[in-house]
Amino acid sequence: MFYNAPPFIELEKFDKKLNELKTNADKWIYFIKNASNFDLIPSEFIDVKEFKEAFEIANKISWKKDELEVYDYMCLKEADEKNAFETAWAKKTKEVLEQGIEQGIEKGAKKMILKGYSNEDISEITELSIEQIQEMRKLQ
């Protein structure tokens, strides 16, 4: 039985130029060999999310301690702002939903009043108090 070993690549012998890269394998090999030489992501790599992430990681490796601390601080700040926004959004959504439910119950109760339902039946169905229903009857 034969075992198909993965290809062995000698980076020193990989001599393709940027414009000669055709496959993702070629691009990964080129990236591994040349990542430390890039200031910007070459356009040949931008269309693949994984390459963009790899370039960002490779770029961070060369950062000094104070640059990493600033980056970490900015990431934390961004996460805090995102969390604050999502919390506020969830709270406002809940408030609007509750207000809509309340308005729907009141609208239903008013229709029930017009159809002649008793205060007790309306209260049982809508969970409004008898006093609230009496107040609605006065406004009709």
Foldseek 3Di string as FASTA:
>chain_A
DDDDDDDDDDLVPLDDDPVRDDDVVNVVSCCVNCLVPDPDDDPVQVVDPVSVVVSVVSVVVPDDPVVVVVVVVVVVVVVVVVVVVVVVVVVVVVVVVVVVLVVVLVVVLLVCVVVPDDLVVSCVVSVDDSVVSVVSVVVD
